[in-house]
Amino acid sequence: AYDAIVQFIETNYMYQRRNLLIITGKGDKGTGVLKQQVPHWLENKELKIKILAIAPARAEDGGKGALYV
């Protein structure tokens, strides 16, 4: 999953897409592995320089199981 996130961010950065939605899911009882790990992965220096902000998604876009990047 980490490699897929890196590829997703880098590809969209190359095409100058500025608003991305990453759906992590909530997992069982809101403690899903991707929900916990993706925010940490996005802090990687390789990705961090390509990301302006990270925010929780609105309910209609996935709510607590998604992030705007």
C-alpha atoms as a PDB file:
ATOM      1  CA  ALA A   1       0.000   0.000   0.000  1.00  0.00           C
ATOM      2  CA  TYR A   2       2.889   2.374   0.743  1.00  0.00           C
ATOM      3  CA  ASP A   3       4.272   2.016  -2.784  1.00  0.00           C
ATOM      4  CA  ALA A   4       0.800   2.634  -4.243  1.00  0.00           C
ATOM      5  CA  ILE A   5       0.445   5.859  -2.226  1.00  0.00           C
ATOM      6  CA  VAL A   6       3.871   7.083  -3.357  1.00  0.00           C
ATOM      7  CA  GLN A   7       3.047   6.302  -6.996  1.00  0.00           C
ATOM      8  CA  PHE A   8      -0.370   7.993  -6.678  1.00  0.00           C
ATOM      9  CA  ILE A   9       1.076  11.181  -5.197  1.00  0.00           C
ATOM     10  CA  GLU A  10       3.995  11.374  -7.629  1.00  0.00           C
ATOM     11  CA  THR A  11       1.863  10.731 -10.714  1.00  0.00           C
ATOM     12  CA  ASN A  12      -0.724  13.312  -9.744  1.00  0.00           C
ATOM     13  CA  TYR A  13       1.993  15.810  -8.832  1.00  0.00           C
ATOM     14  CA  MET A  14       3.550  15.345 -12.271  1.00  0.00           C
ATOM     15  CA  TYR A  15       0.168  16.105 -13.900  1.00  0.00           C
ATOM     16  CA  GLN A  16      -0.253  19.127 -11.592  1.00  0.00           C
ATOM     17  CA  ARG A  17      -3.418  17.792  -9.993  1.00  0.00           C
ATOM     18  CA  ARG A  18      -3.785  19.774  -6.824  1.00  0.00           C
ATOM     19  CA  ASN A  19      -6.707  18.116  -5.023  1.00  0.00           C
ATOM     20  CA  LEU A  20      -6.577  14.416  -4.274  1.00  0.00           C
ATOM     21  CA  LEU A  21      -8.801  12.107  -2.269  1.00  0.00           C
ATOM     22  CA  ILE A  22      -7.179   9.132  -0.562  1.00  0.00           C
ATOM     23  CA  ILE A  23      -9.659   6.613   0.796  1.00  0.00           C
ATOM     24  CA  THR A  24      -8.156   4.634   3.654  1.00  0.00           C
ATOM     25  CA  GLY A  25     -11.335   3.124   5.053  1.00  0.00           C
ATOM     26  CA  LYS A  26     -12.043   3.183   8.760  1.00  0.00           C
ATOM     27  CA  GLY A  27     -11.182  -0.392   9.559  1.00  0.00           C
ATOM     28  CA  ASP A  28     -12.732  -2.371  12.360  1.00  0.00           C
ATOM     29  CA  LYS A  29     -13.945   0.023  15.069  1.00  0.00           C
ATOM     30  CA  GLY A  30     -12.143   2.943  13.404  1.00  0.00           C
ATOM     31  CA  THR A  31      -8.670   1.522  13.975  1.00  0.00           C
ATOM     32  CA  GLY A  32      -7.767   0.414  10.452  1.00  0.00           C
ATOM     33  CA  VAL A  33      -4.123  -0.033   9.507  1.00  0.00           C
ATOM     34  CA  LEU A  34      -4.311   2.308   6.506  1.00  0.00           C
ATOM     35  CA  LYS A  35      -6.266   4.898   8.494  1.00  0.00           C
ATOM     36  CA  GLN A  36      -3.425   4.906  11.016  1.00  0.00           C
ATOM     37  CA  GLN A  37      -0.459   4.617   8.640  1.00  0.00           C
ATOM     38  CA  VAL A  38      -1.276   6.798   5.617  1.00  0.00           C
ATOM     39  CA  PRO A  39      -0.904  10.123   7.487  1.00  0.00           C
ATOM     40  CA  HIS A  40       2.555   8.983   8.649  1.00  0.00           C
ATOM     41  CA  TRP A  41       3.521   7.882   5.147  1.00  0.00           C
ATOM     42  CA  LEU A  42       2.547  11.300   3.793  1.00  0.00           C
ATOM     43  CA  GLU A  43       5.104  12.843   6.169  1.00  0.00           C
ATOM     44  CA  ASN A  44       7.922  11.046   4.324  1.00  0.00           C
ATOM     45  CA  LYS A  45      10.361  13.701   3.022  1.00  0.00           C
ATOM     46  CA  GLU A  46      10.008  12.297  -0.505  1.00  0.00           C
ATOM     47  CA  LEU A  47       6.272  13.088  -0.460  1.00  0.00           C
ATOM     48  CA  LYS A  48       6.091  15.949   2.011  1.00  0.00           C
ATOM     49  CA  ILE A  49       7.684  18.418  -0.413  1.00  0.00           C
ATOM     50  CA  LYS A  50       4.864  17.692  -2.885  1.00  0.00           C
ATOM     51  CA  ILE A  51       1.997  18.124  -0.415  1.00  0.00           C
ATOM     52  CA  LEU A  52       0.594  21.491   0.602  1.00  0.00           C
ATOM     53  CA  ALA A  53      -1.930  20.221   3.157  1.00  0.00           C
ATOM     54  CA  ILE A  54      -3.754  17.173   4.470  1.00  0.00           C
ATOM     55  CA  ALA A  55      -7.313  17.371   5.799  1.00  0.00           C
ATOM     56  CA  PRO A  56     -10.080  14.953   6.793  1.00  0.00           C
ATOM     57  CA  ALA A  57     -12.641  14.401   4.041  1.00  0.00           C
ATOM     58  CA  ARG A  58     -16.250  15.574   4.271  1.00  0.00           C
ATOM     59  CA  ALA A  59     -18.843  12.899   5.039  1.00  0.00           C
ATOM     60  CA  GLU A  60     -20.016  12.700   1.419  1.00  0.00           C
ATOM     61  CA  ASP A  61     -16.421  12.027   0.310  1.00  0.00           C
ATOM     62  CA  GLY A  62     -15.642   9.306   2.839  1.00  0.00           C
ATOM     63  CA  GLY A  63     -15.599  11.144   6.142  1.00  0.00           C
ATOM     64  CA  LYS A  64     -13.323   9.578   8.737  1.00  0.00           C
ATOM     65  CA  GLY A  65     -12.232   6.963   6.216  1.00  0.00           C
ATOM     66  CA  ALA A  66     -10.662   9.400   3.736  1.00  0.00           C
ATOM     67  CA  LEU A  67      -8.245  12.302   3.427  1.00  0.00           C
ATOM     68  CA  TYR A  68      -7.926  15.305   1.139  1.00  0.00           C
ATOM     69  CA  VAL A  69      -4.359  15.845   0.028  1.00  0.00           C
END
